[in-house]
Each structure stands twice: as structure tokens, then as C-alpha cells.
Amino acid sequence: MPITNKKRCIWCGQDSLYQSYHDDEWGVPCHDDRKLFAMLCLEGMQAGLSWITILKRRESYYQAFDGFDPIKIASYNDKKIDELMSDAGIIRHRPKITAIIANAKAYLRVTQNQSFDEYVWGIVADHQSQTPLINHPKNIQDIPTKTKASIALSKQLKKDGFQFIGPTICYAYMQACGMVDDHVIDCAFKHHVG
């Protein structure tokens, strides 16, 4: 249950699910390969929608996509896609569903010689320290929708076969996985000091 007496970034509003996500996940560095993969796929599902729409369906996505196991997802066939298209718990958008399958295949290729953590963090942060980018926005209007780092991440992901990963989606991904901390300066949940 979210703590209600602390100042938060205004974008999470009064919704308790959104507040919990803001308080416990957004901006917190993630180095778990499976979660990093899942979040990349989920951010792609957000394209054209609000994040709360996906957040409310996140558990359904985990169930529908075998816990975001890339090996299982990479083997999905047309029958499985048809099954997913009839799953009311997720957004039934064929190109987004097939993008998750393409992303699983790309994930398996890029992780043959490195972890996914090393791969994505290495594109946007110092390769050795994997240090998050710390921003100090005064208000929500000071937070960009894309940056040079998100453009670089998008470009590399596309080159390696990932889909639904434009620079804006990549920046939201970077925020979600703590590669960048964009909590406003007076937010009680700002995770880093810098």
C-alpha cells in the first residue's frame, strides 16, 4: 500500500497501483535479465496507450507470455498467436504480440555472449559501473520524452532485431528500469542523490 503522506511526482496521481509502481519500481536500477526483457516488451505494448493501461494488465501479460521466458516465447507459432489474440487480459494487437516474439528471438541472439543487463546498460551507461543517469527535474515539464541515450538504445535494439522500441519507448524503458532517475527534485521517492 502506497505511503500517502509523502510528496510524489504528479504523474502517478491518486491511483494506488500507479503510486506503488512510482514508489517501488520507477527509477530503481534493475539488473535482472528477465525483468529487463519483460519491461522492454511491456513498454512496447504501451505504444499509443497510457502506462496505467499496461500496468493494470501486467500480471495478465506475465501469465499469457509464460512469465516472459524468452526461450518459450521464441518458439510461439501461429496457433499460439491466435490464442493470445483471444486473451481478454492483454491488449489484443497482433503486431505488438508478434513484436514480443521477435524480441524474444533477438534477446536470445544478444545474450549468447553477455547478459541482457550488460547489453542494455552498456548502451546507455558507463560499461563498467552501470551507473544510472541522474536528472534533477523541477517539474514534470522538465522531463524529456527522449534523449541521446534513448536514441542510441533504440538504434542498437533495432539493429539487433527488436521491435516496438522507438526512442520515446526506450526513454520510458530507461526510466522504468532505473537507467535514468527522473523523479522531480522534491519527490520523496527520488532514489539517487547526485
Foldseek 3Di string as FASTA:
>chain_A
DADDPFDFACVLPDDPLSRCLRQPFFQAADQDQQVLLLLLLLLLLCVVHDSVVSSQLVVVVCVLCVNSPLVVLLPDDPVSLVVVLPRPSGPNDSVSSVLSNQSSVLLVVVPPPHGVSLVLLVQQHPSPPSDAAEDAAQHPVRDDQFDPSLQSSQVVCVVSRHPSRHRSSSVSSCRRNNSYFDIHNRGPRRPDDD
